[in-house]
Protein backbone atom coordinates (compact mmCIF):
# COMPACT_ATOMS: atom_id res chain seq x y z
CA MET A 1 -8.18 7.82 1.41
CA PRO A 2 -4.55 8.90 1.17
CA TRP A 3 -2.77 7.62 4.28
CA ALA A 4 -0.83 10.89 4.66
CA LEU A 5 -4.07 12.86 5.03
CA ILE A 6 -5.69 10.61 7.61
CA GLU A 7 -2.42 10.18 9.52
CA LEU A 8 -2.58 13.86 10.48
CA HIS A 9 -5.75 13.05 12.42
CA GLU A 10 -4.51 10.05 14.38
CA PRO A 11 -5.17 11.77 17.75
CA GLN A 12 -8.88 11.92 16.84
CA VAL A 13 -8.77 8.28 15.73
CA LEU A 14 -7.43 7.38 19.17
CA ARG A 15 -10.15 9.45 20.90
CA ASN A 16 -12.94 7.94 18.81
CA HIS A 17 -11.76 4.32 18.71
CA GLY A 18 -9.03 3.81 21.30
CA GLN A 19 -6.87 2.25 18.57
CA THR A 20 -4.15 3.42 16.21
CA LEU A 21 -4.70 3.80 12.49
CA LYS A 22 -2.59 0.72 11.91
CA GLN A 23 -4.73 -1.34 14.29
CA LEU A 24 -7.93 -0.13 12.63
CA ALA A 25 -6.54 -0.82 9.15
CA GLU A 26 -5.77 -4.39 10.22
CA ARG A 27 -9.39 -4.77 11.36
CA GLY A 28 -10.97 -3.43 8.17
CA GLY A 29 -10.55 0.32 8.52
CA LEU A 30 -13.16 3.00 9.12
CA SER A 31 -16.65 3.44 7.73
CA PRO A 32 -17.32 6.64 5.77
CA VAL A 33 -19.11 8.17 8.78
CA GLU A 34 -16.25 7.24 11.11
CA LEU A 35 -13.71 8.66 8.65
CA TYR A 36 -15.71 11.88 8.26
CA CYS A 37 -15.79 12.30 12.04
CA VAL A 38 -12.04 11.77 12.26
CA ILE A 39 -11.10 14.32 9.60
CA ARG A 40 -13.57 16.86 11.05
CA ASN A 41 -12.40 16.18 14.64
CA ILE A 42 -15.86 15.12 15.77
CA ASN A 43 -16.38 12.86 18.78
CA LEU A 44 -18.18 9.95 17.15
CA PHE A 45 -19.69 8.48 20.30
CA GLY A 46 -21.26 11.38 22.08
CA ASN A 47 -23.15 13.73 19.83
CA GLY A 48 -25.50 11.64 17.69
CA VAL A 49 -23.44 11.96 14.51
CA LYS A 50 -24.82 8.74 13.07
CA LEU A 51 -28.31 10.23 13.34
CA TRP A 52 -27.65 13.20 11.07
CA ILE A 53 -25.16 12.00 8.46
CA THR A 54 -25.64 9.14 6.05
CA GLU A 55 -22.85 6.97 4.68
CA GLU A 56 -23.50 8.44 1.22
CA ASP A 57 -23.30 12.04 2.45
CA ALA A 58 -20.14 11.26 4.41
CA MET A 59 -18.51 9.80 1.27
CA LYS A 60 -19.37 12.93 -0.73
CA MET A 61 -17.93 15.21 1.95
CA ILE A 62 -14.77 13.10 2.23
CA ASP A 63 -14.25 13.22 -1.54
CA GLU A 64 -14.65 16.98 -1.46
CA TRP A 65 -12.19 17.26 1.42
CA ILE A 66 -9.63 15.01 -0.28
CA TYR A 67 -9.70 16.74 -3.63
CA THR A 68 -10.25 20.40 -2.76
CA ASP A 69 -8.62 22.91 -0.51
CA VAL A 70 -9.21 26.58 0.16
CA ASN A 71 -6.45 28.97 -0.80
CA ILE A 72 -5.54 32.13 1.09
CA SER A 73 -8.14 34.12 -0.90
CA GLY A 74 -10.90 31.75 0.19
CA ASN A 75 -11.27 30.11 -3.23
CA SER A 76 -11.60 26.34 -3.62
CA VAL A 77 -8.65 24.85 -5.46
CA PRO A 78 -7.56 21.26 -6.16
CA ARG A 79 -5.69 19.78 -3.20
CA LYS A 80 -2.15 18.67 -3.99
CA ILE A 81 -1.91 15.05 -2.92
């Protein structure tokens, strides 16, 4: 995961984990489900996320989010990283 993309979501990291990105990175980082929740601004511990999303599905959605973007016309285009 490009650091610059996840860094934009540090407030959600703090809400979900009570730690900074740097602290989490030092402890092994985030699981795919945790990362998905962060980039989608989902409260990980309060809405049963782990019940409805698998690690595999989270990884697919993260890959899609990293590598695609939606332009002003609503078309998917490669994200410039």
